[in-house]
Amino acid sequence: MYGLARPFLFGLDAEAAHGAALNALEVAYRTGAGALLSRRPAPLPTRAFGLTFPNPVGLAAGLDKNGAHIDALMALGFGFIEIGTVTPRPQAGNPKPRMFRLPEHQAVINRLGFNNGGVDMLVRNVERAKRRHGLLGINIGKNKDTPNDSAENDYLFCLDRVYPIADYVTVNISSPNTAGLRELQEEQALRRLVGTLREAQERLAAVHGRRVPMLVKIAPDLTDNDVEAAARVLGDLHVDGVIATNTTVSRVGIEGSPLAHEAGGLSGKPLLGQATAVLRMMRTRLPESIPMIGVGGILSGADAAAKMAAGATLVQCYTGLVYRGPALIKECVEAMRRRKEAPSRGNMPPIV
């Protein structure tokens, strides 16, 4: 079905196609068209952050910012989906056009800028969802007009609102599309922000009688020293998990594209090597007790297995769905199953 729909979608502006695809998926889910549930991969239970995921393949944040399509997306076969990024107040994001496809590179550039309806809208949508088929992560950020020295207030507000309804919460400090946001990854700023959120997490756990894991999402553009510092801080503060990585401001691999000059985060195939290298480096520096999610450039089952080989317990897709469609989900689950069930890693063929 996706193969038939793709030419139509690719004929639309990238952001318009995004909305059309979500609306069509919602209609298909609500009417039972397309036998969505029959395509779910066989279970591959995976334990991370104190949670058991039905399978280790998830949807990265950004596709469903307001949590308006949770059940339809879960029906595609994901073991978990992550919604957001959500901010305390609604915001329109950056001026359009702000999303660009690069089909020759199997890539996307976006500078959406945390466009969302605000945390109260997201909470209402989550409360209406049935959530039968997977776990739900909620990705939180700050409003564009909130200065960095007040950023913790935005994150605390969102954490407090989503804590009762989330299976896990992700702290997004790595989007390149909100001016100054990535400065929060600097060692002292990171320690201050994440330390404050960790204290709030433990307070909320006592209030709600339930501990919700908190993850931190990092950028692929960190230097080796940045990764060392971030790993030290996140390890010291005992975060529950790390997601590597967000989109990149690099244009390596797309230099010949007429869209390479467009501002924003690059995702898709050109990101795979860079994101996986940061994942591998972070994995070797974090305590083994802190699991990681690998995201960035997954367009095949082999790519998902490569993330697993680099140290990821779970993976997430987004741009790969644009180019491959929902078949990518099952392919990734099966590739990870083969790697997980192999007698030993020494017997595995090299992943290229």
C-alpha atoms as a PDB file:
ATOM      1  CA  MET A   1       0.000   0.000   0.000  1.00  0.00           C
ATOM      2  CA  TYR A   2       2.767   2.462   0.812  1.00  0.00           C
ATOM      3  CA  GLY A   3       4.409   1.806  -2.545  1.00  0.00           C
ATOM      4  CA  LEU A   4       1.209   2.956  -4.233  1.00  0.00           C
ATOM      5  CA  ALA A   5       0.817   6.008  -2.009  1.00  0.00           C
ATOM      6  CA  ARG A   6       4.431   7.200  -2.114  1.00  0.00           C
ATOM      7  CA  PRO A   7       4.341   8.868  -5.592  1.00  0.00           C
ATOM      8  CA  PHE A   8       1.320  10.907  -4.484  1.00  0.00           C
ATOM      9  CA  LEU A   9       2.944  11.891  -1.198  1.00  0.00           C
ATOM     10  CA  PHE A  10       6.231  12.789  -2.877  1.00  0.00           C
ATOM     11  CA  GLY A  11       4.288  15.049  -5.220  1.00  0.00           C
ATOM     12  CA  LEU A  12       3.280  17.185  -2.242  1.00  0.00           C
ATOM     13  CA  ASP A  13       5.304  19.650  -0.227  1.00  0.00           C
ATOM     14  CA  ALA A  14       7.169  17.627   2.414  1.00  0.00           C
ATOM     15  CA  GLU A  15       5.260  19.059   5.374  1.00  0.00           C
ATOM     16  CA  ALA A  16       1.914  18.708   3.577  1.00  0.00           C
ATOM     17  CA  ALA A  17       2.777  15.072   2.801  1.00  0.00           C
ATOM     18  CA  HIS A  18       3.592  14.552   6.483  1.00  0.00           C
ATOM     19  CA  GLY A  19       0.107  15.694   7.471  1.00  0.00           C
ATOM     20  CA  ALA A  20      -1.603  13.782   4.668  1.00  0.00           C
ATOM     21  CA  ALA A  21       0.147  10.547   5.594  1.00  0.00           C
ATOM     22  CA  LEU A  22      -0.845  10.846   9.254  1.00  0.00           C
ATOM     23  CA  ASN A  23      -4.448  11.618   8.368  1.00  0.00           C
ATOM     24  CA  ALA A  24      -4.628   8.686   5.942  1.00  0.00           C
ATOM     25  CA  LEU A  25      -3.128   6.379   8.572  1.00  0.00           C
ATOM     26  CA  GLU A  26      -5.697   7.546  11.110  1.00  0.00           C
ATOM     27  CA  VAL A  27      -8.560   6.862   8.697  1.00  0.00           C
ATOM     28  CA  ALA A  28      -7.168   3.421   7.863  1.00  0.00           C
ATOM     29  CA  TYR A  29      -6.832   2.587  11.546  1.00  0.00           C
ATOM     30  CA  ARG A  30     -10.316   3.758  12.489  1.00  0.00           C
ATOM     31  CA  THR A  31     -11.994   1.956   9.569  1.00  0.00           C
ATOM     32  CA  GLY A  32      -9.900  -1.213   9.757  1.00  0.00           C
ATOM     33  CA  ALA A  33      -8.718  -0.680   6.176  1.00  0.00           C
ATOM     34  CA  GLY A  34      -5.355  -2.128   5.264  1.00  0.00           C
ATOM     35  CA  ALA A  35      -5.343  -4.798   7.969  1.00  0.00           C
ATOM     36  CA  LEU A  36      -2.759  -2.776   9.874  1.00  0.00           C
ATOM     37  CA  LEU A  37      -2.600  -5.116  12.842  1.00  0.00           C
ATOM     38  CA  SER A  38      -1.786  -8.181  10.721  1.00  0.00           C
ATOM     39  CA  ARG A  39       1.533  -6.612   9.828  1.00  0.00           C
ATOM     40  CA  ARG A  40       2.841  -6.480  13.358  1.00  0.00           C
ATOM     41  CA  PRO A  41       6.135  -8.339  13.730  1.00  0.00           C
ATOM     42  CA  ALA A  42       6.352 -11.342  15.999  1.00  0.00           C
ATOM     43  CA  PRO A  43       7.084 -10.241  19.589  1.00  0.00           C
ATOM     44  CA  LEU A  44      10.692  -9.681  20.596  1.00  0.00           C
ATOM     45  CA  PRO A  45      10.403  -8.585  24.252  1.00  0.00           C
ATOM     46  CA  THR A  46      13.239  -6.269  25.206  1.00  0.00           C
ATOM     47  CA  ARG A  47      13.993  -4.991  28.690  1.00  0.00           C
ATOM     48  CA  ALA A  48      15.346  -1.456  29.209  1.00  0.00           C
ATOM     49  CA  PHE A  49      14.922   1.367  31.753  1.00  0.00           C
ATOM     50  CA  GLY A  50      12.947  -1.000  33.983  1.00  0.00           C
ATOM     51  CA  LEU A  51      10.346  -1.469  31.226  1.00  0.00           C
ATOM     52  CA  THR A  52       9.553  -4.388  28.919  1.00  0.00           C
ATOM     53  CA  PHE A  53       9.072  -3.324  25.295  1.00  0.00           C
ATOM     54  CA  PRO A  54       7.076  -5.665  22.973  1.00  0.00           C
ATOM     55  CA  ASN A  55       9.890  -5.274  20.456  1.00  0.00           C
ATOM     56  CA  PRO A  56      12.959  -3.014  20.290  1.00  0.00           C
ATOM     57  CA  VAL A  57      11.942  -0.858  17.300  1.00  0.00           C
ATOM     58  CA  GLY A  58      10.325   2.488  18.024  1.00  0.00           C
ATOM     59  CA  LEU A  59       9.190   5.682  16.357  1.00  0.00           C
ATOM     60  CA  ALA A  60      11.390   8.702  17.010  1.00  0.00           C
ATOM     61  CA  ALA A  61       9.934  11.957  18.280  1.00  0.00           C
ATOM     62  CA  GLY A  62       8.842  14.555  15.748  1.00  0.00           C
ATOM     63  CA  LEU A  63       6.365  12.653  13.594  1.00  0.00           C
ATOM     64  CA  ASP A  64       3.427  13.015  16.015  1.00  0.00           C
ATOM     65  CA  LYS A  65       4.235  16.128  17.996  1.00  0.00           C
ATOM     66  CA  ASN A  66       0.822  16.451  19.663  1.00  0.00           C
ATOM     67  CA  GLY A  67       0.110  12.767  20.299  1.00  0.00           C
ATOM     68  CA  ALA A  68      -2.908  12.887  17.982  1.00  0.00           C
ATOM     69  CA  HIS A  69      -2.241   9.533  16.257  1.00  0.00           C
ATOM     70  CA  ILE A  70      -0.905   7.284  19.018  1.00  0.00           C
ATOM     71  CA  ASP A  71      -3.072   4.221  18.436  1.00  0.00           C
ATOM     72  CA  ALA A  72      -2.788   4.318  14.643  1.00  0.00           C
ATOM     73  CA  LEU A  73       1.007   4.528  14.840  1.00  0.00           C
ATOM     74  CA  MET A  74       1.232   1.763  17.435  1.00  0.00           C
ATOM     75  CA  ALA A  75      -0.852  -0.465  15.153  1.00  0.00           C
ATOM     76  CA  LEU A  76       1.912  -0.375  12.537  1.00  0.00           C
ATOM     77  CA  GLY A  77       4.033  -2.704  14.668  1.00  0.00           C
ATOM     78  CA  PHE A  78       6.272  -0.436  16.717  1.00  0.00           C
ATOM     79  CA  GLY A  79       7.296  -1.680  20.136  1.00  0.00           C
ATOM     80  CA  PHE A  80       7.087   1.910  21.345  1.00  0.00           C
ATOM     81  CA  ILE A  81       6.474   5.371  20.000  1.00  0.00           C
ATOM     82  CA  GLU A  82       7.777   8.714  21.196  1.00  0.00           C
ATOM     83  CA  ILE A  83       5.574  11.783  20.786  1.00  0.00           C
ATOM     84  CA  GLY A  84       6.539  15.461  20.966  1.00  0.00           C
ATOM     85  CA  THR A  85       8.651  17.473  21.246  1.00  0.00           C
ATOM     86  CA  VAL A  86       6.092  19.298  23.393  1.00  0.00           C
ATOM     87  CA  THR A  87       6.555  22.692  25.027  1.00  0.00           C
ATOM     88  CA  PRO A  88       4.652  24.329  27.904  1.00  0.00           C
ATOM     89  CA  ARG A  89       2.823  26.777  25.641  1.00  0.00           C
ATOM     90  CA  PRO A  90       1.620  26.281  22.056  1.00  0.00           C
ATOM     91  CA  GLN A  91       3.960  27.637  19.403  1.00  0.00           C
ATOM     92  CA  ALA A  92       3.816  27.831  15.617  1.00  0.00           C
ATOM     93  CA  GLY A  93       7.438  26.938  14.972  1.00  0.00           C
ATOM     94  CA  ASN A  94       9.596  28.448  12.250  1.00  0.00           C
ATOM     95  CA  PRO A  95       8.273  30.059   9.034  1.00  0.00           C
ATOM     96  CA  LYS A  96       7.364  27.779   6.113  1.00  0.00           C
ATOM     97  CA  PRO A  97       8.707  26.148   4.041  1.00  0.00           C
ATOM     98  CA  ARG A  98      10.638  24.331   6.740  1.00  0.00           C
ATOM     99  CA  MET A  99      10.869  20.691   5.637  1.00  0.00           C
ATOM    100  CA  PHE A 100      12.668  19.424   2.531  1.00  0.00           C
ATOM    101  CA  ARG A 101      13.066  15.955   1.023  1.00  0.00           C
ATOM    102  CA  LEU A 102      16.336  14.939  -0.660  1.00  0.00           C
ATOM    103  CA  PRO A 103      15.296  11.688  -2.406  1.00  0.00           C
ATOM    104  CA  GLU A 104      18.633  11.218  -4.148  1.00  0.00           C
ATOM    105  CA  HIS A 105      20.228  10.995  -0.695  1.00  0.00           C
ATOM    106  CA  GLN A 106      17.309   9.349   1.148  1.00  0.00           C
ATOM    107  CA  ALA A 107      17.385  12.294   3.509  1.00  0.00           C
ATOM    108  CA  VAL A 108      15.267  15.101   4.949  1.00  0.00           C
ATOM    109  CA  ILE A 109      16.186  18.564   6.181  1.00  0.00           C
ATOM    110  CA  ASN A 110      13.785  20.127   8.666  1.00  0.00           C
ATOM    111  CA  ARG A 111      13.708  23.317  10.666  1.00  0.00           C
ATOM    112  CA  LEU A 112      10.241  22.926  12.142  1.00  0.00           C
ATOM    113  CA  GLY A 113      11.179  24.459  15.490  1.00  0.00           C
ATOM    114  CA  PHE A 114       9.083  22.541  18.035  1.00  0.00           C
ATOM    115  CA  ASN A 115       5.763  23.422  16.381  1.00  0.00           C
ATOM    116  CA  ASN A 116       3.112  21.981  18.690  1.00  0.00           C
ATOM    117  CA  GLY A 117      -0.159  22.715  20.436  1.00  0.00           C
ATOM    118  CA  GLY A 118       1.313  22.866  23.923  1.00  0.00           C
ATOM    119  CA  VAL A 119       1.503  20.321  26.702  1.00  0.00           C
ATOM    120  CA  ASP A 120      -2.150  20.560  27.739  1.00  0.00           C
ATOM    121  CA  MET A 121      -3.293  19.517  24.252  1.00  0.00           C
ATOM    122  CA  LEU A 122      -0.850  16.615  24.242  1.00  0.00           C
ATOM    123  CA  VAL A 123      -2.055  15.418  27.650  1.00  0.00           C
ATOM    124  CA  ARG A 124      -5.671  15.421  26.465  1.00  0.00           C
ATOM    125  CA  ASN A 125      -4.744  13.403  23.382  1.00  0.00           C
ATOM    126  CA  VAL A 126      -2.792  10.847  25.408  1.00  0.00           C
ATOM    127  CA  GLU A 127      -5.655  10.438  27.866  1.00  0.00           C
ATOM    128  CA  ARG A 128      -7.968   9.558  24.957  1.00  0.00           C
ATOM    129  CA  ALA A 129      -5.623   6.969  23.450  1.00  0.00           C
ATOM    130  CA  LYS A 130      -6.133   3.248  24.108  1.00  0.00           C
ATOM    131  CA  ARG A 131      -2.394   2.377  23.932  1.00  0.00           C
ATOM    132  CA  ARG A 132      -2.927  -1.350  23.436  1.00  0.00           C
ATOM    133  CA  HIS A 133       0.132  -2.339  21.456  1.00  0.00           C
ATOM    134  CA  GLY A 134       3.256  -0.652  22.802  1.00  0.00           C
ATOM    135  CA  LEU A 135       4.858   1.772  25.224  1.00  0.00           C
ATOM    136  CA  LEU A 136       4.709   5.555  25.020  1.00  0.00           C
ATOM    137  CA  GLY A 137       7.563   7.996  25.427  1.00  0.00           C
ATOM    138  CA  ILE A 138       6.963  11.744  25.668  1.00  0.00           C
ATOM    139  CA  ASN A 139       9.665  14.147  24.490  1.00  0.00           C
ATOM    140  CA  ILE A 140       9.775  17.523  26.276  1.00  0.00           C
ATOM    141  CA  GLY A 141      11.433  20.830  25.383  1.00  0.00           C
ATOM    142  CA  LYS A 142      11.375  24.542  26.046  1.00  0.00           C
ATOM    143  CA  ASN A 143       9.496  27.316  24.294  1.00  0.00           C
ATOM    144  CA  LYS A 144      11.470  29.293  21.743  1.00  0.00           C
ATOM    145  CA  ASP A 145      11.144  32.564  23.676  1.00  0.00           C
ATOM    146  CA  THR A 146      12.284  31.070  26.995  1.00  0.00           C
ATOM    147  CA  PRO A 147      15.929  32.047  27.653  1.00  0.00           C
ATOM    148  CA  ASN A 148      18.338  29.274  28.529  1.00  0.00           C
ATOM    149  CA  ASP A 149      18.827  30.562  32.056  1.00  0.00           C
ATOM    150  CA  SER A 150      15.097  29.893  32.630  1.00  0.00           C
ATOM    151  CA  ALA A 151      14.902  26.710  30.555  1.00  0.00           C
ATOM    152  CA  GLU A 152      14.644  24.434  33.570  1.00  0.00           C
ATOM    153  CA  ASN A 153      11.265  25.966  34.394  1.00  0.00           C
ATOM    154  CA  ASP A 154       9.851  24.882  31.014  1.00  0.00           C
ATOM    155  CA  TYR A 155      11.247  21.377  31.366  1.00  0.00           C
ATOM    156  CA  LEU A 156       9.972  21.085  34.927  1.00  0.00           C
ATOM    157  CA  PHE A 157       6.507  22.256  33.873  1.00  0.00           C
ATOM    158  CA  CYS A 158       6.323  19.683  31.076  1.00  0.00           C
ATOM    159  CA  LEU A 159       7.763  16.904  33.234  1.00  0.00           C
ATOM    160  CA  ASP A 160       5.154  17.538  35.902  1.00  0.00           C
ATOM    161  CA  ARG A 161       2.305  17.474  33.359  1.00  0.00           C
ATOM    162  CA  VAL A 162       3.330  14.373  31.406  1.00  0.00           C
ATOM    163  CA  TYR A 163       4.750  12.288  34.237  1.00  0.00           C
ATOM    164  CA  PRO A 164       1.446  10.546  35.157  1.00  0.00           C
ATOM    165  CA  ILE A 165       0.707   9.499  31.547  1.00  0.00           C
ATOM    166  CA  ALA A 166       4.144   8.594  30.139  1.00  0.00           C
ATOM    167  CA  ASP A 167       5.943   5.255  30.117  1.00  0.00           C
ATOM    168  CA  TYR A 168       9.163   7.245  29.836  1.00  0.00           C
ATOM    169  CA  VAL A 169      10.097  10.912  29.335  1.00  0.00           C
ATOM    170  CA  THR A 170      12.837  12.248  27.047  1.00  0.00           C
ATOM    171  CA  VAL A 171      14.598  15.552  27.683  1.00  0.00           C
ATOM    172  CA  ASN A 172      15.360  17.156  24.317  1.00  0.00           C
ATOM    173  CA  ILE A 173      18.341  19.495  24.501  1.00  0.00           C
ATOM    174  CA  SER A 174      19.732  18.607  21.084  1.00  0.00           C
ATOM    175  CA  SER A 175      17.437  19.969  18.381  1.00  0.00           C
ATOM    176  CA  PRO A 176      19.289  22.395  16.080  1.00  0.00           C
ATOM    177  CA  ASN A 177      16.056  24.255  15.278  1.00  0.00           C
ATOM    178  CA  THR A 178      15.582  26.233  18.507  1.00  0.00           C
ATOM    179  CA  ALA A 179      18.226  28.924  18.826  1.00  0.00           C
ATOM    180  CA  GLY A 180      20.660  28.244  21.654  1.00  0.00           C
ATOM    181  CA  LEU A 181      19.073  24.951  22.732  1.00  0.00           C
ATOM    182  CA  ARG A 182      22.188  22.877  22.127  1.00  0.00           C
ATOM    183  CA  GLU A 183      24.120  25.101  24.537  1.00  0.00           C
ATOM    184  CA  LEU A 184      22.308  23.169  27.275  1.00  0.00           C
ATOM    185  CA  GLN A 185      24.546  20.205  26.402  1.00  0.00           C
ATOM    186  CA  GLU A 186      27.608  22.097  27.687  1.00  0.00           C
ATOM    187  CA  GLU A 187      28.904  20.306  30.777  1.00  0.00           C
ATOM    188  CA  GLN A 188      27.932  22.734  33.530  1.00  0.00           C
ATOM    189  CA  ALA A 189      24.590  23.656  31.963  1.00  0.00           C
ATOM    190  CA  LEU A 190      23.839  19.971  31.441  1.00  0.00           C
ATOM    191  CA  ARG A 191      24.679  19.115  35.040  1.00  0.00           C
ATOM    192  CA  ARG A 192      22.494  21.921  36.346  1.00  0.00           C
ATOM    193  CA  LEU A 193      19.482  21.134  34.147  1.00  0.00           C
ATOM    194  CA  VAL A 194      19.539  17.354  34.383  1.00  0.00           C
ATOM    195  CA  GLY A 195      20.324  17.487  38.104  1.00  0.00           C
ATOM    196  CA  THR A 196      17.247  19.637  38.681  1.00  0.00           C
ATOM    197  CA  LEU A 197      15.093  17.310  36.573  1.00  0.00           C
ATOM    198  CA  ARG A 198      16.414  14.227  38.359  1.00  0.00           C
ATOM    199  CA  GLU A 199      15.384  15.724  41.703  1.00  0.00           C
ATOM    200  CA  ALA A 200      11.933  16.434  40.278  1.00  0.00           C
ATOM    201  CA  GLN A 201      11.720  12.905  38.887  1.00  0.00           C
ATOM    202  CA  GLU A 202      12.311  11.371  42.301  1.00  0.00           C
ATOM    203  CA  ARG A 203       9.813  13.763  43.905  1.00  0.00           C
ATOM    204  CA  LEU A 204       7.177  12.863  41.313  1.00  0.00           C
ATOM    205  CA  ALA A 205       7.868   9.157  41.815  1.00  0.00           C
ATOM    206  CA  ALA A 206       7.047   9.535  45.502  1.00  0.00           C
ATOM    207  CA  VAL A 207       3.890  11.531  44.760  1.00  0.00           C
ATOM    208  CA  HIS A 208       2.562   9.144  42.107  1.00  0.00           C
ATOM    209  CA  GLY A 209       3.849   5.883  43.580  1.00  0.00           C
ATOM    210  CA  ARG A 210       5.443   5.066  40.242  1.00  0.00           C
ATOM    211  CA  ARG A 211       8.905   5.794  38.888  1.00  0.00           C
ATOM    212  CA  VAL A 212       8.866   6.955  35.257  1.00  0.00           C
ATOM    213  CA  PRO A 213      12.254   6.654  33.509  1.00  0.00           C
ATOM    214  CA  MET A 214      13.875   9.851  32.223  1.00  0.00           C
ATOM    215  CA  LEU A 215      16.133   9.806  29.152  1.00  0.00           C
ATOM    216  CA  VAL A 216      18.323  12.512  27.613  1.00  0.00           C
ATOM    217  CA  LYS A 217      18.634  12.960  23.831  1.00  0.00           C
ATOM    218  CA  ILE A 218      22.007  14.154  22.526  1.00  0.00           C
ATOM    219  CA  ALA A 219      23.212  15.651  19.242  1.00  0.00           C
ATOM    220  CA  PRO A 220      25.397  13.885  16.662  1.00  0.00           C
ATOM    221  CA  ASP A 221      27.571  17.008  16.326  1.00  0.00           C
ATOM    222  CA  LEU A 222      29.246  16.687  19.740  1.00  0.00           C
ATOM    223  CA  THR A 223      33.039  16.599  19.721  1.00  0.00           C
ATOM    224  CA  ASP A 224      34.865  13.726  21.398  1.00  0.00           C
ATOM    225  CA  ASN A 225      35.446  15.962  24.423  1.00  0.00           C
ATOM    226  CA  ASP A 226      31.750  16.887  24.481  1.00  0.00           C
ATOM    227  CA  VAL A 227      30.777  13.220  24.498  1.00  0.00           C
ATOM    228  CA  GLU A 228      33.230  12.539  27.327  1.00  0.00           C
ATOM    229  CA  ALA A 229      31.778  15.394  29.373  1.00  0.00           C
ATOM    230  CA  ALA A 230      28.149  14.453  28.676  1.00  0.00           C
ATOM    231  CA  ALA A 231      28.798  10.822  29.599  1.00  0.00           C
ATOM    232  CA  ARG A 232      30.435  11.917  32.847  1.00  0.00           C
ATOM    233  CA  VAL A 233      27.483  14.135  33.783  1.00  0.00           C
ATOM    234  CA  LEU A 234      24.769  11.675  32.773  1.00  0.00           C
ATOM    235  CA  GLY A 235      26.553   8.831  34.536  1.00  0.00           C
ATOM    236  CA  ASP A 236      27.065  10.867  37.704  1.00  0.00           C
ATOM    237  CA  LEU A 237      23.382  11.824  37.756  1.00  0.00           C
ATOM    238  CA  HIS A 238      22.217   8.251  37.076  1.00  0.00           C
ATOM    239  CA  VAL A 239      19.837   9.078  34.232  1.00  0.00           C
ATOM    240  CA  ASP A 240      17.782   6.108  33.103  1.00  0.00           C
ATOM    241  CA  GLY A 241      18.852   6.196  29.469  1.00  0.00           C
ATOM    242  CA  VAL A 242      20.407   8.136  26.604  1.00  0.00           C
ATOM    243  CA  ILE A 243      19.148   8.574  23.036  1.00  0.00           C
ATOM    244  CA  ALA A 244      21.820   9.008  20.368  1.00  0.00           C
ATOM    245  CA  THR A 245      21.170  10.999  18.264  1.00  0.00           C
ATOM    246  CA  ASN A 246      19.128  13.934  17.054  1.00  0.00           C
ATOM    247  CA  THR A 247      19.534  15.458  13.563  1.00  0.00           C
ATOM    248  CA  THR A 248      22.800  17.018  12.372  1.00  0.00           C
ATOM    249  CA  VAL A 249      23.794  20.469  11.146  1.00  0.00           C
ATOM    250  CA  SER A 250      26.516  18.838   9.052  1.00  0.00           C
ATOM    251  CA  ARG A 251      26.030  18.594   5.283  1.00  0.00           C
ATOM    252  CA  VAL A 252      28.595  15.871   4.712  1.00  0.00           C
ATOM    253  CA  GLY A 253      27.232  13.454   2.129  1.00  0.00           C
ATOM    254  CA  ILE A 254      24.803  15.885   0.491  1.00  0.00           C
ATOM    255  CA  GLU A 255      27.253  18.504  -0.783  1.00  0.00           C
ATOM    256  CA  GLY A 256      25.930  18.228  -4.341  1.00  0.00           C
ATOM    257  CA  SER A 257      22.288  18.758  -3.430  1.00  0.00           C
ATOM    258  CA  PRO A 258      20.624  22.046  -4.408  1.00  0.00           C
ATOM    259  CA  LEU A 259      19.002  21.931  -0.945  1.00  0.00           C
ATOM    260  CA  ALA A 260      22.235  21.553   1.015  1.00  0.00           C
ATOM    261  CA  HIS A 261      22.170  25.275   1.842  1.00  0.00           C
ATOM    262  CA  GLU A 262      18.828  25.023   3.646  1.00  0.00           C
ATOM    263  CA  ALA A 263      19.099  25.580   7.396  1.00  0.00           C
ATOM    264  CA  GLY A 264      17.904  22.873   9.757  1.00  0.00           C
ATOM    265  CA  GLY A 265      18.637  19.369  10.949  1.00  0.00           C
ATOM    266  CA  LEU A 266      19.607  16.710   8.417  1.00  0.00           C
ATOM    267  CA  SER A 267      18.235  13.196   8.942  1.00  0.00           C
ATOM    268  CA  GLY A 268      18.216   9.991   6.925  1.00  0.00           C
ATOM    269  CA  LYS A 269      20.933   7.936   5.286  1.00  0.00           C
ATOM    270  CA  PRO A 270      23.735  10.565   5.419  1.00  0.00           C
ATOM    271  CA  LEU A 271      23.385  10.674   9.218  1.00  0.00           C
ATOM    272  CA  LEU A 272      23.900   6.942   9.805  1.00  0.00           C
ATOM    273  CA  GLY A 273      27.680   6.868  10.213  1.00  0.00           C
ATOM    274  CA  GLN A 274      27.943  10.027  12.313  1.00  0.00           C
ATOM    275  CA  ALA A 275      25.065   9.107  14.620  1.00  0.00           C
ATOM    276  CA  THR A 276      26.314   5.546  15.087  1.00  0.00           C
ATOM    277  CA  ALA A 277      29.836   6.760  15.881  1.00  0.00           C
ATOM    278  CA  VAL A 278      28.490   9.028  18.643  1.00  0.00           C
ATOM    279  CA  LEU A 279      26.339   6.166  19.927  1.00  0.00           C
ATOM    280  CA  ARG A 280      29.358   3.857  20.057  1.00  0.00           C
ATOM    281  CA  MET A 281      31.532   6.452  21.779  1.00  0.00           C
ATOM    282  CA  MET A 282      28.869   7.280  24.346  1.00  0.00           C
ATOM    283  CA  ARG A 283      28.240   3.595  25.014  1.00  0.00           C
ATOM    284  CA  THR A 284      31.900   2.991  25.876  1.00  0.00           C
ATOM    285  CA  ARG A 285      31.862   5.896  28.329  1.00  0.00           C
ATOM    286  CA  LEU A 286      28.524   5.460  30.073  1.00  0.00           C
ATOM    287  CA  PRO A 287      28.009   2.956  32.886  1.00  0.00           C
ATOM    288  CA  GLU A 288      26.631  -0.325  31.537  1.00  0.00           C
ATOM    289  CA  SER A 289      23.588   0.200  33.757  1.00  0.00           C
ATOM    290  CA  ILE A 290      22.396   3.040  31.493  1.00  0.00           C
ATOM    291  CA  PRO A 291      20.804   1.632  28.302  1.00  0.00           C
ATOM    292  CA  MET A 292      20.846   3.529  25.020  1.00  0.00           C
ATOM    293  CA  ILE A 293      18.458   4.046  22.119  1.00  0.00           C
ATOM    294  CA  GLY A 294      20.089   4.292  18.704  1.00  0.00           C
ATOM    295  CA  VAL A 295      18.489   6.607  16.149  1.00  0.00           C
ATOM    296  CA  GLY A 296      19.688   8.320  12.996  1.00  0.00           C
ATOM    297  CA  GLY A 297      19.909   7.004   9.448  1.00  0.00           C
ATOM    298  CA  ILE A 298      18.097   3.667   9.815  1.00  0.00           C
ATOM    299  CA  LEU A 299      16.789   2.695   6.371  1.00  0.00           C
ATOM    300  CA  SER A 300      17.204  -1.088   6.567  1.00  0.00           C
ATOM    301  CA  GLY A 301      17.325  -3.984   8.967  1.00  0.00           C
ATOM    302  CA  ALA A 302      21.099  -4.000   8.616  1.00  0.00           C
ATOM    303  CA  ASP A 303      21.205  -0.403   9.841  1.00  0.00           C
ATOM    304  CA  ALA A 304      19.189  -1.346  12.935  1.00  0.00           C
ATOM    305  CA  ALA A 305      21.522  -4.265  13.608  1.00  0.00           C
ATOM    306  CA  ALA A 306      24.484  -1.892  13.251  1.00  0.00           C
ATOM    307  CA  LYS A 307      23.026   0.310  15.985  1.00  0.00           C
ATOM    308  CA  MET A 308      22.640  -2.777  18.160  1.00  0.00           C
ATOM    309  CA  ALA A 309      26.260  -3.739  17.459  1.00  0.00           C
ATOM    310  CA  ALA A 310      27.336  -0.241  18.508  1.00  0.00           C
ATOM    311  CA  GLY A 311      25.619  -0.646  21.873  1.00  0.00           C
ATOM    312  CA  ALA A 312      21.954   0.244  21.424  1.00  0.00           C
ATOM    313  CA  THR A 313      19.351  -1.789  23.290  1.00  0.00           C
ATOM    314  CA  LEU A 314      16.497  -0.182  21.340  1.00  0.00           C
ATOM    315  CA  VAL A 315      16.333   1.738  18.058  1.00  0.00           C
ATOM    316  CA  GLN A 316      14.052   4.404  16.597  1.00  0.00           C
ATOM    317  CA  CYS A 317      13.114   5.264  13.008  1.00  0.00           C
ATOM    318  CA  TYR A 318      11.627   8.363  11.402  1.00  0.00           C
ATOM    319  CA  THR A 319      13.056   9.430   8.025  1.00  0.00           C
ATOM    320  CA  GLY A 320      13.410   5.769   7.023  1.00  0.00           C
ATOM    321  CA  LEU A 321       9.620   5.523   7.144  1.00  0.00           C
ATOM    322  CA  VAL A 322       9.371   8.328   4.585  1.00  0.00           C
ATOM    323  CA  TYR A 323      11.429   6.346   2.084  1.00  0.00           C
ATOM    324  CA  ARG A 324      10.630   2.737   3.014  1.00  0.00           C
ATOM    325  CA  GLY A 325       7.186   2.851   4.602  1.00  0.00           C
ATOM    326  CA  PRO A 326       5.948   0.634   7.448  1.00  0.00           C
ATOM    327  CA  ALA A 327       7.659  -2.485   6.046  1.00  0.00           C
ATOM    328  CA  LEU A 328      10.842  -1.085   7.575  1.00  0.00           C
ATOM    329  CA  ILE A 329       9.547  -1.784  11.089  1.00  0.00           C
ATOM    330  CA  LYS A 330       9.255  -5.549  10.689  1.00  0.00           C
ATOM    331  CA  GLU A 331      12.530  -5.706   8.761  1.00  0.00           C
ATOM    332  CA  CYS A 332      14.344  -4.004  11.630  1.00  0.00           C
ATOM    333  CA  VAL A 333      12.738  -6.224  14.270  1.00  0.00           C
ATOM    334  CA  GLU A 334      13.739  -9.351  12.379  1.00  0.00           C
ATOM    335  CA  ALA A 335      17.314  -8.140  11.853  1.00  0.00           C
ATOM    336  CA  MET A 336      17.639  -7.397  15.553  1.00  0.00           C
ATOM    337  CA  ARG A 337      16.086 -10.769  16.392  1.00  0.00           C
ATOM    338  CA  ARG A 338      18.701 -12.562  14.268  1.00  0.00           C
ATOM    339  CA  ARG A 339      21.518 -10.695  15.948  1.00  0.00           C
ATOM    340  CA  LYS A 340      20.080 -11.238  19.424  1.00  0.00           C
ATOM    341  CA  GLU A 341      19.452 -14.946  18.894  1.00  0.00           C
ATOM    342  CA  ALA A 342      22.816 -15.733  17.276  1.00  0.00           C
ATOM    343  CA  PRO A 343      24.855 -18.226  19.390  1.00  0.00           C
ATOM    344  CA  SER A 344      27.514 -15.584  19.938  1.00  0.00           C
ATOM    345  CA  ARG A 345      28.500 -12.260  18.509  1.00  0.00           C
ATOM    346  CA  GLY A 346      31.705 -13.817  17.323  1.00  0.00           C
ATOM    347  CA  ASN A 347      29.707 -15.890  14.870  1.00  0.00           C
ATOM    348  CA  MET A 348      27.889 -12.884  13.432  1.00  0.00           C
ATOM    349  CA  PRO A 349      28.893 -11.666   9.981  1.00  0.00           C
ATOM    350  CA  PRO A 350      30.377  -8.179   9.945  1.00  0.00           C
ATOM    351  CA  ILE A 351      27.862  -5.362   9.648  1.00  0.00           C
ATOM    352  CA  VAL A 352      28.695  -2.863   6.921  1.00  0.00           C
END
